[in-house]
């Protein structure tokens, strides 16, 4: 572990408020390391590490996409699934503004602005996932059903 002290982020506060059980996993953050590095550091399959992506539709309306660490988002599939013409990633500065988190430490929990959350459907089939806890170098282990419940996430098929 990179540090002994577990951070108390907005994500942690929200999960505690909802009575959700989760585990803390600190690791040494590596710039541009992504889910590959965090999975290696935690000793888990990268498929179980879920990335939180802030994207926007053609009207610049922000949304969150949760995707397996070893998969990409097929933006065309996602757009069709959610009934918009186009979906694209936000630039990092805009993503930070919408989420209240720094890119690389974006959690879907406790975001600054409420955004619809779309989760790759196959994530719900996993027994446990690891998702950002609101700080670079900090993941939480959680039951995917709790993610769906707390975020009111819509399950979609959008993996490339």
Protein backbone atom coordinates (compact mmCIF):
# COMPACT_ATOMS: atom_id res chain seq x y z
CA UNK A 1 0.00 0.00 0.00
CA UNK A 2 1.15 3.48 -0.84
CA UNK A 3 -0.17 5.04 2.38
CA UNK A 4 -1.58 3.88 5.68
CA UNK A 5 -4.37 6.46 5.97
CA UNK A 6 -7.57 5.86 4.02
CA UNK A 7 -8.95 9.05 2.46
CA UNK A 8 -12.43 10.30 3.34
CA UNK A 9 -13.70 11.59 0.01
CA UNK A 10 -17.17 12.66 -1.12
CA UNK A 11 -17.54 9.14 -2.54
CA UNK A 12 -16.76 7.55 0.84
CA UNK A 13 -19.16 9.92 2.61
CA UNK A 14 -21.98 9.07 0.17
CA UNK A 15 -21.44 5.30 0.49
CA UNK A 16 -21.38 5.53 4.30
CA UNK A 17 -24.56 7.65 4.20
CA UNK A 18 -26.26 4.85 2.22
CA UNK A 19 -24.93 2.14 4.55
CA UNK A 20 -22.98 0.46 1.74
CA UNK A 21 -20.21 -1.98 2.68
CA UNK A 22 -16.97 -1.52 0.74
CA UNK A 23 -13.26 -2.20 1.12
CA UNK A 24 -10.44 0.32 0.80
CA UNK A 25 -7.54 -0.31 -1.59
CA UNK A 26 -4.68 2.17 -1.76
CA UNK A 27 -2.01 1.80 -4.43
CA UNK A 28 0.84 3.81 -5.90
CA UNK A 29 -0.77 6.01 -8.56
CA UNK A 30 1.07 6.18 -11.87
CA UNK A 31 0.31 8.99 -14.36
CA UNK A 32 -1.35 7.42 -17.44
CA UNK A 33 -1.10 3.97 -15.83
CA UNK A 34 -4.85 3.47 -15.85
CA UNK A 35 -6.59 0.31 -14.79
CA UNK A 36 -3.66 -1.87 -15.89
CA UNK A 37 -1.46 -0.43 -13.14
CA UNK A 38 -4.15 -0.41 -10.45
CA UNK A 39 -5.10 -4.03 -11.23
CA UNK A 40 -1.44 -5.10 -11.00
CA UNK A 41 -0.93 -3.17 -7.76
CA UNK A 42 -4.04 -4.76 -6.20
CA UNK A 43 -3.40 -8.21 -7.68
CA UNK A 44 -6.83 -8.42 -9.35
CA UNK A 45 -8.05 -9.05 -12.90
CA UNK A 46 -8.20 -5.80 -14.89
CA UNK A 47 -11.67 -6.85 -16.10
CA UNK A 48 -12.91 -6.31 -12.49
CA UNK A 49 -11.40 -2.82 -12.25
CA UNK A 50 -14.04 -0.40 -13.48
CA UNK A 51 -13.16 2.96 -15.00
CA UNK A 52 -15.37 6.00 -14.48
CA UNK A 53 -15.57 8.08 -17.64
CA UNK A 54 -17.20 11.50 -17.89
CA UNK A 55 -18.62 11.93 -21.38
CA UNK A 56 -21.11 14.24 -23.07
CA UNK A 57 -23.74 14.04 -25.76
CA UNK A 58 -24.11 16.29 -28.80
CA UNK A 59 -25.79 18.94 -26.61
CA UNK A 60 -22.81 18.97 -24.20
CA UNK A 61 -24.99 17.26 -21.57
CA UNK A 62 -22.62 15.31 -19.27
CA UNK A 63 -23.02 11.66 -18.35
CA UNK A 64 -20.98 8.99 -16.60
CA UNK A 65 -20.04 5.68 -18.18
CA UNK A 66 -18.73 2.77 -16.11
CA UNK A 67 -16.67 0.33 -18.18
CA UNK A 68 -14.45 -2.70 -17.56
CA UNK A 69 -10.80 -1.66 -17.30
CA UNK A 70 -9.78 -3.94 -20.15
CA UNK A 71 -12.49 -2.71 -22.54
CA UNK A 72 -13.21 0.54 -24.38
CA UNK A 73 -16.51 2.36 -24.81
CA UNK A 74 -18.06 1.98 -28.26
CA UNK A 75 -19.50 5.51 -28.37
CA UNK A 76 -21.83 4.72 -31.28
CA UNK A 77 -23.34 1.76 -29.42
CA UNK A 78 -23.69 3.87 -26.29
CA UNK A 79 -25.36 6.73 -28.18
CA UNK A 80 -27.92 4.34 -29.69
CA UNK A 81 -28.52 2.67 -26.31
CA UNK A 82 -29.29 5.96 -24.56
CA UNK A 83 -31.17 7.60 -27.44
CA UNK A 84 -28.81 10.39 -28.46
CA UNK A 85 -27.04 11.12 -31.75
CA UNK A 86 -23.49 11.25 -30.45
CA UNK A 87 -21.43 10.60 -27.30
CA UNK A 88 -17.84 11.72 -26.83
CA UNK A 89 -15.38 12.00 -23.94
CA UNK A 90 -15.20 15.34 -22.15
CA UNK A 91 -11.84 17.07 -22.10
CA UNK A 92 -10.15 16.59 -18.68
CA UNK A 93 -10.84 20.14 -17.46
CA UNK A 94 -14.57 19.84 -18.29
CA UNK A 95 -14.73 16.37 -16.72
CA UNK A 96 -13.17 17.74 -13.52
CA UNK A 97 -15.71 20.58 -13.48
CA UNK A 98 -18.70 18.22 -13.83
CA UNK A 99 -17.49 15.58 -11.37
CA UNK A 100 -15.66 17.65 -8.79
CA UNK A 101 -12.85 15.10 -8.96
CA UNK A 102 -9.48 15.19 -10.69
CA UNK A 103 -9.15 12.96 -13.77
CA UNK A 104 -7.40 9.78 -12.62
CA UNK A 105 -9.33 10.02 -9.36
CA UNK A 106 -12.88 10.32 -10.67
CA UNK A 107 -15.49 8.39 -8.73
CA UNK A 108 -19.10 8.02 -9.87
CA UNK A 109 -20.17 8.54 -6.23
CA UNK A 110 -20.57 11.98 -4.72
CA UNK A 111 -20.06 13.98 -7.90
CA UNK A 112 -20.36 17.76 -7.82
CA UNK A 113 -23.23 17.70 -10.33
CA UNK A 114 -25.80 14.92 -10.69
CA UNK A 115 -25.31 13.08 -13.98
CA UNK A 116 -27.00 10.01 -15.44
CA UNK A 117 -24.85 6.90 -14.98
CA UNK A 118 -24.62 4.16 -17.60
CA UNK A 119 -22.90 0.91 -16.66
CA UNK A 120 -21.73 -1.80 -19.04
CA UNK A 121 -24.24 -4.60 -18.33
CA UNK A 122 -21.62 -7.34 -17.88
CA UNK A 123 -20.16 -5.47 -14.87
CA UNK A 124 -23.34 -6.36 -12.96
CA UNK A 125 -22.49 -10.07 -13.38
CA UNK A 126 -19.20 -9.78 -11.48
CA UNK A 127 -19.11 -10.78 -7.80
CA UNK A 128 -17.00 -7.75 -6.81
CA UNK A 129 -15.59 -4.74 -8.63
CA UNK A 130 -12.91 -2.17 -7.87
CA UNK A 131 -13.82 1.39 -8.70
CA UNK A 132 -12.30 4.76 -7.93
CA UNK A 133 -13.00 6.05 -4.45
CA UNK A 134 -12.52 9.72 -5.33
CA UNK A 135 -8.75 10.14 -5.21
CA UNK A 136 -5.84 9.11 -7.37
CA UNK A 137 -4.34 5.91 -5.99
CA UNK A 138 -7.50 4.87 -4.16
CA UNK A 139 -9.99 2.23 -5.26
CA UNK A 140 -12.88 0.72 -3.36
CA UNK A 141 -14.03 -2.87 -3.61
CA UNK A 142 -17.81 -3.07 -3.85
CA UNK A 143 -20.67 -5.30 -4.93
CA UNK A 144 -21.86 -4.12 -8.39
CA UNK A 145 -25.50 -4.40 -7.23
CA UNK A 146 -24.74 -1.66 -4.66
CA UNK A 147 -23.33 0.53 -7.43
CA UNK A 148 -26.53 0.14 -9.45
CA UNK A 149 -28.67 0.82 -6.38
CA UNK A 150 -26.85 3.93 -5.11
CA UNK A 151 -26.28 5.51 -8.53
CA UNK A 152 -29.54 4.38 -10.13
CA UNK A 153 -27.30 3.21 -12.97
CA UNK A 154 -28.77 2.13 -16.29
CA UNK A 155 -27.26 -1.08 -17.67
CA UNK A 156 -26.18 -0.80 -21.32
CA UNK A 157 -24.25 -2.79 -23.92
CA UNK A 158 -21.49 -0.41 -24.98
CA UNK A 159 -18.21 -2.35 -24.77
CA UNK A 160 -15.85 -2.34 -27.74
